[in-house]
Every structure is written in C-alpha cells, then in structure tokens.
Protein backbone atom coordinates (compact mmCIF):
# COMPACT_ATOMS: atom_id res chain seq x y z
CA MET A 1 111.35 125.23 108.64
CA ARG A 2 111.64 126.58 105.10
CA ASP A 3 108.59 127.22 102.96
CA ILE A 4 107.23 124.46 100.71
CA LYS A 5 108.09 125.38 97.11
CA VAL A 6 105.18 124.77 94.73
CA LEU A 7 104.99 124.77 90.93
CA VAL A 8 101.48 125.21 89.47
CA VAL A 9 100.95 123.52 86.09
CA ASP A 10 97.67 124.38 84.35
CA ASP A 11 96.74 125.59 80.87
CA SER A 12 94.27 128.13 82.30
CA ALA A 13 95.82 131.52 83.04
CA ILE A 14 92.95 132.23 85.45
CA VAL A 15 93.62 129.08 87.45
CA ARG A 16 97.36 129.76 87.57
CA LYS A 17 96.72 133.31 88.78
CA ILE A 18 94.18 132.35 91.46
CA PHE A 19 96.24 129.42 92.77
CA THR A 20 99.32 131.64 92.95
CA GLU A 21 97.51 134.40 94.82
CA GLU A 22 95.63 132.14 97.24
CA LEU A 23 98.46 129.74 98.04
CA SER A 24 100.88 132.62 98.58
CA ARG A 25 98.67 133.73 101.47
CA GLU A 26 99.07 130.35 103.17
CA ARG A 27 101.66 130.03 105.90
CA GLY A 28 104.66 127.95 104.89
CA ILE A 29 103.82 127.75 101.17
CA GLU A 30 105.58 129.59 98.35
CA VAL A 31 104.52 129.38 94.70
CA ILE A 32 107.87 129.57 92.90
CA GLY A 33 106.49 129.37 89.40
CA THR A 34 103.73 128.36 86.99
CA ALA A 35 103.59 126.55 83.66
CA PRO A 36 100.90 126.36 80.95
CA ASP A 37 101.89 122.91 79.65
CA PRO A 38 104.13 119.93 80.50
CA TYR A 39 107.01 121.05 78.29
CA VAL A 40 107.36 124.36 80.09
CA ALA A 41 106.79 122.53 83.38
CA ARG A 42 109.63 120.09 82.63
CA ASP A 43 112.13 122.92 82.22
CA LYS A 44 110.92 124.76 85.31
CA ILE A 45 111.06 121.62 87.46
CA VAL A 46 114.70 121.11 86.54
CA LYS A 47 115.54 124.78 87.10
CA LEU A 48 113.45 125.63 90.17
CA LYS A 49 113.40 122.23 91.93
CA PRO A 50 109.92 122.49 93.52
CA ASP A 51 108.92 120.39 96.53
CA VAL A 52 105.39 119.82 95.19
CA VAL A 53 103.76 120.15 91.76
CA THR A 54 100.04 120.72 91.15
CA LEU A 55 99.10 119.31 87.77
CA ASP A 56 96.04 119.53 85.52
CA ILE A 57 95.10 116.65 83.21
CA GLU A 58 93.70 118.57 80.23
CA MET A 59 96.62 120.50 78.71
CA PRO A 60 98.05 121.25 75.26
CA ARG A 61 100.88 119.23 73.69
CA MET A 62 100.79 116.50 76.36
CA ASP A 63 98.08 115.38 78.80
CA GLY A 64 98.77 115.45 82.52
CA ILE A 65 98.66 111.67 83.04
CA THR A 66 101.30 111.05 80.37
CA PHE A 67 103.48 113.79 81.85
CA LEU A 68 103.00 112.36 85.34
CA LYS A 69 104.22 108.93 84.21
CA LYS A 70 107.30 110.46 82.60
CA LEU A 71 107.96 112.55 85.69
CA MET A 72 107.75 109.55 88.02
CA LYS A 73 110.17 107.63 85.81
CA TYR A 74 112.85 110.30 85.38
CA TYR A 75 112.33 112.91 88.12
CA PRO A 76 110.01 111.58 90.86
CA LEU A 77 108.54 114.18 93.21
CA PRO A 78 105.19 114.74 94.96
CA VAL A 79 102.42 115.60 92.47
CA ILE A 80 98.83 116.61 93.22
CA ILE A 81 96.42 116.23 90.32
CA VAL A 82 93.89 119.08 90.19
CA SER A 83 91.41 118.54 87.37
CA SER A 84 87.75 118.88 86.47
CA LEU A 85 87.98 115.46 84.77
CA THR A 86 88.14 113.70 88.14
CA ARG A 87 84.74 114.94 89.34
CA ASN A 88 82.40 112.25 88.04
CA GLY A 89 83.54 108.69 88.63
CA GLY A 90 87.04 107.82 89.65
CA LYS A 91 88.79 106.02 86.82
CA LEU A 92 91.04 108.91 85.78
CA ALA A 93 91.73 109.70 89.42
CA LEU A 94 92.75 106.11 90.08
CA GLU A 95 94.92 106.07 86.97
CA ALA A 96 96.63 109.21 88.24
CA ILE A 97 97.29 107.68 91.65
CA GLU A 98 98.55 104.45 90.11
CA SER A 99 100.84 106.55 87.92
CA GLY A 100 102.39 108.16 90.99
CA ALA A 101 100.21 111.10 92.08
CA VAL A 102 100.11 111.60 95.84
CA GLU A 103 96.64 113.16 95.84
CA VAL A 104 93.81 113.97 93.43
CA LEU A 105 91.50 116.98 93.79
CA SER A 106 88.48 117.90 91.69
CA LYS A 107 88.19 121.42 90.32
CA PRO A 108 84.92 123.30 90.73
CA GLY A 109 82.90 123.84 87.58
CA ALA A 110 84.14 127.33 86.73
CA ALA A 111 87.78 128.40 86.56
CA TYR A 112 87.17 131.55 88.59
CA SER A 113 85.79 129.52 91.49
CA VAL A 114 88.95 127.46 92.10
CA GLY A 115 89.81 129.82 94.94
CA ASP A 116 87.08 128.09 96.95
CA MET A 117 89.29 125.01 97.27
CA LYS A 118 92.33 126.91 98.55
CA GLN A 119 92.30 125.47 102.07
CA GLN A 120 91.85 121.91 100.87
CA LEU A 121 94.66 122.34 98.34
CA ALA A 122 96.96 123.93 100.92
CA ASP A 123 96.40 121.01 103.30
CA LYS A 124 97.13 118.52 100.53
CA ILE A 125 100.31 120.39 99.59
CA ARG A 126 101.55 120.22 103.19
CA ALA A 127 100.87 116.48 103.27
CA ALA A 128 102.45 115.92 99.86
CA ALA A 129 105.60 117.75 100.89
CA ARG A 130 106.18 115.06 103.52
CA ALA A 131 105.42 112.19 101.16
CA ARG A 132 108.07 109.73 100.05
CA VAL A 133 108.05 109.46 96.28
CA SER A 134 110.25 107.07 94.35
CA GLN A 135 110.45 105.36 91.00
CA ARG A 136 108.06 102.46 90.57
CA LYS A 137 109.71 99.07 90.92
CA GLU A 138 108.78 95.84 89.19
CA LYS A 139 107.75 93.23 91.73
CA THR A 140 109.10 89.71 91.70
CA SER A 141 106.80 86.75 91.21
CA VAL A 142 107.60 85.56 94.74
CA GLU A 143 106.55 88.87 96.26
CA ASP A 144 103.42 88.94 94.13
CA ALA A 145 102.19 85.55 95.27
CA PRO A 146 99.25 85.61 97.68
CA VAL A 147 100.04 84.42 101.17
CA THR A 148 98.49 81.20 102.39
CA LEU A 149 96.66 80.32 105.55
CA SER A 150 98.56 77.73 107.57
CA SER A 151 95.63 76.09 109.32
CA ARG A 152 92.60 74.37 107.80
CA ALA A 153 90.62 75.33 110.89
CA LEU A 154 91.53 78.98 110.33
CA GLN A 155 90.49 78.72 106.69
CA GLU A 156 87.01 77.66 107.77
CA THR A 157 86.63 80.33 110.44
CA THR A 158 83.75 82.67 109.66
CA ASN A 159 83.66 84.89 112.74
CA LYS A 160 86.92 86.76 112.17
CA VAL A 161 87.00 90.32 110.82
CA ILE A 162 89.86 92.37 109.34
CA ALA A 163 89.42 96.16 109.55
CA ILE A 164 91.78 98.39 107.55
CA GLY A 165 92.17 102.19 107.58
CA ALA A 166 94.24 104.25 105.13
CA SER A 167 94.52 107.73 103.66
CA THR A 168 97.25 109.45 101.62
CA GLY A 169 99.08 106.79 99.62
CA GLY A 170 96.50 104.24 100.71
CA THR A 171 95.10 103.30 97.32
CA GLU A 172 98.40 101.76 96.25
CA ALA A 173 99.05 100.36 99.73
CA LEU A 174 95.65 98.67 99.76
CA LYS A 175 96.33 97.14 96.38
CA GLU A 176 99.56 95.69 97.77
CA VAL A 177 97.76 94.20 100.76
CA LEU A 178 94.51 92.98 99.23
CA THR A 179 96.14 91.33 96.20
CA ARG A 180 98.16 89.18 98.61
CA PHE A 181 95.15 87.91 100.55
CA PRO A 182 94.08 84.33 99.68
CA PRO A 183 90.46 83.56 98.72
CA THR A 184 89.85 82.03 102.15
CA ILE A 185 90.74 85.16 104.13
CA PRO A 186 88.12 86.27 106.70
CA GLY A 187 85.88 89.21 105.81
CA VAL A 188 87.72 92.49 105.20
CA LEU A 189 86.40 96.01 105.82
CA VAL A 190 88.26 98.99 104.37
CA VAL A 191 88.10 102.72 105.02
CA GLN A 192 90.13 104.71 102.49
CA HIS A 193 89.75 108.48 102.60
CA MET A 194 88.28 109.23 99.16
CA PRO A 195 85.66 111.63 97.79
CA PRO A 196 82.23 110.44 96.62
CA ASN A 197 82.16 108.59 93.27
CA PHE A 198 85.80 107.51 93.49
CA THR A 199 85.22 104.47 95.70
CA THR A 200 83.01 102.68 93.18
CA ALA A 201 85.70 102.62 90.51
CA PHE A 202 88.36 101.89 93.13
CA ALA A 203 86.49 98.81 94.34
CA GLU A 204 85.86 97.62 90.78
CA ARG A 205 89.53 97.92 89.92
CA LEU A 206 90.61 96.03 93.02
CA ASN A 207 88.03 93.35 92.30
CA ASN A 208 89.70 92.73 88.94
CA MET A 209 93.13 92.45 90.56
CA CYS A 210 92.47 90.37 93.68
CA SER A 211 91.77 86.71 94.34
CA ILE A 212 89.12 87.89 96.82
CA ALA A 213 85.92 89.68 95.83
CA VAL A 214 85.97 93.45 96.37
CA LYS A 215 82.93 95.73 96.28
CA GLU A 216 81.78 99.12 97.47
CA ALA A 217 79.82 98.53 100.66
CA GLU A 218 76.04 98.88 100.77
CA ASP A 219 74.02 99.16 103.93
CA GLY A 220 73.30 95.69 105.28
CA ASP A 221 76.01 93.87 103.29
CA SER A 222 77.18 90.68 105.01
CA VAL A 223 80.81 90.37 106.04
CA LEU A 224 81.92 87.13 104.41
CA PRO A 225 85.19 85.21 104.04
CA GLY A 226 86.92 85.99 100.78
CA ARG A 227 85.26 89.40 100.38
CA ALA A 228 86.37 92.97 101.05
CA LEU A 229 83.91 95.84 101.48
CA ILE A 230 85.11 99.39 100.72
CA ALA A 231 83.40 102.22 102.59
CA PRO A 232 81.66 104.56 100.09
CA GLY A 233 82.99 108.10 99.81
CA ASN A 234 81.19 110.52 102.16
CA TYR A 235 79.65 107.68 104.23
CA HIS A 236 80.79 106.04 107.44
CA MET A 237 80.92 102.25 107.57
CA LEU A 238 80.33 100.42 110.85
CA LEU A 239 80.55 96.75 111.75
CA ARG A 240 77.37 95.25 113.21
CA ARG A 241 76.51 91.77 114.48
CA SER A 242 73.38 89.66 114.49
CA GLY A 243 74.01 86.45 116.37
CA ALA A 244 77.08 84.87 114.83
CA ARG A 245 76.77 86.83 111.58
CA TYR A 246 78.47 90.13 110.83
CA HIS A 247 77.14 92.83 108.52
CA VAL A 248 77.86 96.50 107.91
CA SER A 249 75.90 99.67 108.43
CA VAL A 250 76.57 102.45 105.91
CA LYS A 251 75.37 105.82 107.13
CA THR A 252 75.91 109.54 107.13
CA GLY A 253 76.87 111.50 110.21
CA PRO A 254 79.32 114.13 111.38
CA MET A 255 82.90 113.93 110.22
CA VAL A 256 85.32 112.26 112.62
CA CYS A 257 88.92 113.51 112.58
CA HIS A 258 87.78 115.68 109.63
CA GLN A 259 86.94 112.52 107.66
CA ARG A 260 83.86 110.73 106.33
CA PRO A 261 84.38 107.78 106.04
CA SER A 262 86.48 107.58 109.17
CA ALA A 263 88.77 104.75 110.21
CA ASP A 264 88.00 105.56 113.85
CA VAL A 265 84.31 104.87 113.25
CA LEU A 266 85.08 101.48 111.67
CA PHE A 267 87.63 100.54 114.32
CA ASN A 268 85.38 101.55 117.23
CA SER A 269 82.54 99.40 115.92
CA SER A 270 84.95 96.52 115.30
CA ALA A 271 86.12 96.73 118.91
CA GLN A 272 82.51 96.71 120.11
CA TYR A 273 81.11 93.89 117.97
CA ALA A 274 84.12 91.70 117.11
CA GLY A 275 86.41 92.22 120.12
CA PRO A 276 89.15 89.54 120.13
CA ASN A 277 87.92 88.20 116.78
CA ALA A 278 89.15 91.30 114.94
CA VAL A 279 92.46 92.33 113.40
CA GLY A 280 93.00 96.06 112.89
CA VAL A 281 95.37 97.42 110.24
CA ILE A 282 96.46 101.04 109.90
CA LEU A 283 98.26 102.09 106.74
CA THR A 284 99.88 105.21 105.29
CA GLY A 285 98.02 108.50 105.69
CA MET A 286 98.06 112.04 106.99
CA GLY A 287 96.54 112.93 110.35
CA SER A 288 95.40 110.87 113.31
CA ASP A 289 92.23 109.16 112.07
CA GLY A 290 92.16 105.56 113.26
CA ALA A 291 94.58 105.92 116.16
CA GLN A 292 92.00 106.04 118.95
CA GLY A 293 89.83 103.38 117.35
CA LEU A 294 92.76 101.02 116.84
CA LEU A 295 93.61 101.44 120.52
CA LYS A 296 90.05 100.44 121.43
CA MET A 297 90.39 97.37 119.23
CA ARG A 298 93.55 96.33 121.03
CA GLU A 299 92.02 97.00 124.44
CA ALA A 300 89.07 94.80 123.43
CA GLY A 301 91.43 91.91 122.73
CA GLY A 302 91.85 92.41 118.99
CA ARG A 303 95.21 92.13 117.27
CA THR A 304 96.68 95.18 115.51
CA ILE A 305 99.34 95.92 112.93
CA GLY A 306 100.70 99.18 111.52
CA GLN A 307 102.70 100.03 108.43
CA ASP A 308 106.29 101.06 109.12
CA GLU A 309 107.65 104.54 108.50
CA ALA A 310 110.02 103.52 105.71
CA THR A 311 107.25 102.28 103.39
CA CYS A 312 104.58 104.91 104.18
CA VAL A 313 103.93 107.70 101.70
CA VAL A 314 102.96 109.80 104.74
CA TYR A 315 103.80 108.41 108.17
CA GLY A 316 100.94 110.11 109.99
CA MET A 317 98.13 107.74 110.94
CA PRO A 318 100.40 104.77 111.81
CA LYS A 319 102.68 107.08 113.78
CA GLU A 320 99.83 108.50 115.88
CA ALA A 321 98.49 105.00 116.52
CA ALA A 322 101.93 103.77 117.56
CA LYS A 323 102.35 106.72 119.95
CA LEU A 324 99.15 105.68 121.72
CA GLY A 325 100.31 102.09 122.05
CA ALA A 326 97.60 100.92 119.65
CA VAL A 327 99.98 99.11 117.29
CA GLU A 328 100.95 95.61 118.38
CA LYS A 329 103.12 94.78 115.37
CA VAL A 330 104.92 97.02 112.86
CA ALA A 331 105.71 95.78 109.36
CA PRO A 332 106.77 97.10 105.94
CA LEU A 333 103.99 97.28 103.38
CA GLU A 334 105.00 94.11 101.54
CA ARG A 335 104.74 92.14 104.80
CA ILE A 336 101.40 93.50 106.04
CA ALA A 337 99.29 90.75 104.46
CA GLN A 338 101.42 87.98 105.96
CA GLY A 339 101.43 89.87 109.24
CA VAL A 340 97.62 89.86 109.26
CA ILE A 341 97.63 86.11 108.65
CA ASN A 342 100.07 85.60 111.52
CA LEU A 343 97.91 87.65 113.88
CA LEU A 344 94.82 85.68 112.87
C-alpha cells in the first residue's frame, strides 16, 4: 500500500517542523508539505492532493474552523484538528467535528512539546485516511422526524435498556440517532470515545437538539425512559441493577481495547444485568472496541444492530463485531433509530 500523504497546516514554524520530522519517521506516512495559513494551504491542497490534512484553529488571515467549513463544501477530505484551543471544554472541538473534522486533538501547552503526541497523531492519521468524507447534505423533514413507538405497552416499559458504542465519526452519528428517538424511548447509555472535558459540552449540545433528555453520566444516575446518559471522558460507565431499577456506575480502571470509556465495558455489564431486555448498537469507529461485548449481549438474549459500511466514517468497530457474529441486524445510519425500535 502507498504511503498516506499528509499536509500540515499550522502558523507555528516549530510545530510544522516537529510534526514533519516525527511523522516522517512513522511507517506508511509521508508529510508532503506544510502551510502557515489557510490561503497557502488551499493552494497546496489543490496542487499536492493530500490524503489527510492536520489543521490548527488559531491562524492568520482565516481561522481553522472557517477554513474547514469551506474545505468541506468545495474540496472535502479527511481533516484532523490539532489545536491548543480544544484543551479546556469541548465546544470548539464539537464545532470542528460538526463542521466536518474527522478527529480533534489537543496540543500540549508548549509548541516544542508537540512531539510528545506523535504516536497519537500518527494513529489518528491512519484512521482518518480510511474515513469517508463527503459534502454535508440537507436533510428532509421526513427524515428528520423522530420515529414513533408502535405499541402503548412498549411505551410504558421501564425495564428496557439501549446501549450504544461509537468512536471516530460517532459524534455526528449519535446526533443522527438520538435526535430521532421519541421522548418515550427506554433509557439510553452511550459510550463515545472522547477525551476528558469534551463529553460535558457534547451532552449539553445533544440535550438542546433531542426530544429526549441527554446528560453526562454521574455515578449512581438512574437509567430512565426518555433519557440518555453519556459516559464521561476518561471514565468507564457500567450498567447496574437494583431490583427492577437500573442505574449506572461511573468509575476509573484500566483501559480496555486502548479506550476509557470503553464500549466493551458498557456492553458486558448490559449483558450481565439486562440480558434479553437490552438492545446493543455499534456505530462508526476505528478498532475493535465493543465487538466482544456486543457478542456477549447477543448471547445473553439481547438484540443487536450495527451501522453499515456505506454510512460509516470508519468501518472498524461494526466490522469487527459483524465478523464475530455479534451483529443481528445491519442498517444505514439514518435507519438505526427505527431499527432499535423494531428490535425493542
């Protein structure tokens, strides 16, 4: 396979130099050019045709978010935002992802220390190179409408649980799914691979968009119909049961599949405590997190659904789950919500 061609866009000469040197040492990655601002980057993208672009937010003449939006409109390709502005809180990071970025990484405090993140950046570049990036499409009112539950008895069920795992591309995928859930949907638990601080803003944004309530999970939170709990960054979230009532445990612990939070941890606990009362959903993402846990859910009598390859940004997690036989149903992203309802 040919090397992944990368263009580094950053106003700092030190950052451009370090990224070029460090990434050039990585197998399968070639830095084909750098740019100090979006205008130079625009010309180099057209000329050099990179596979992946790393992009800072703070730059002269045009900020990175504005450039990203223009890029996704006229010349869509995988972009990784690398910025110190995404360290505290997650609003800019979420705006970047909603504008089309595949991944967002936070720079260390000092420019000369960016070499410390070389392995993480290299891994993200490899994932981004496999991502499907396209122009954003306006959705029709029919597609936007929340799905409805067909049975009054199902609407009143309180002992069902929906567990969802996602990674690369998952923030937009989750928005697609959760905004389609009706207010009467059983309790939803979500693991999205995100750094600390980002999940608070992510949950708040989803809460403003959805007909269900969405919040970042806290230890002991009850799992209730019409509410989704998002696992906090750097913490695992597990389903627990006390009699007929479900709640979550939020805790630290070793990484699972190189992730914390881990979809496997959520799915395993869902298999143990909800069994046939659970529906497991695995969405777009790199790696294999969630595959083994989703299989345990299915073996415990739960129903499972996976996103199809055509609509995944990275067809990694759903693919690995499908290979194990963990995925009962496969559906495109826009049909996942209805698919969950059907499985319920």
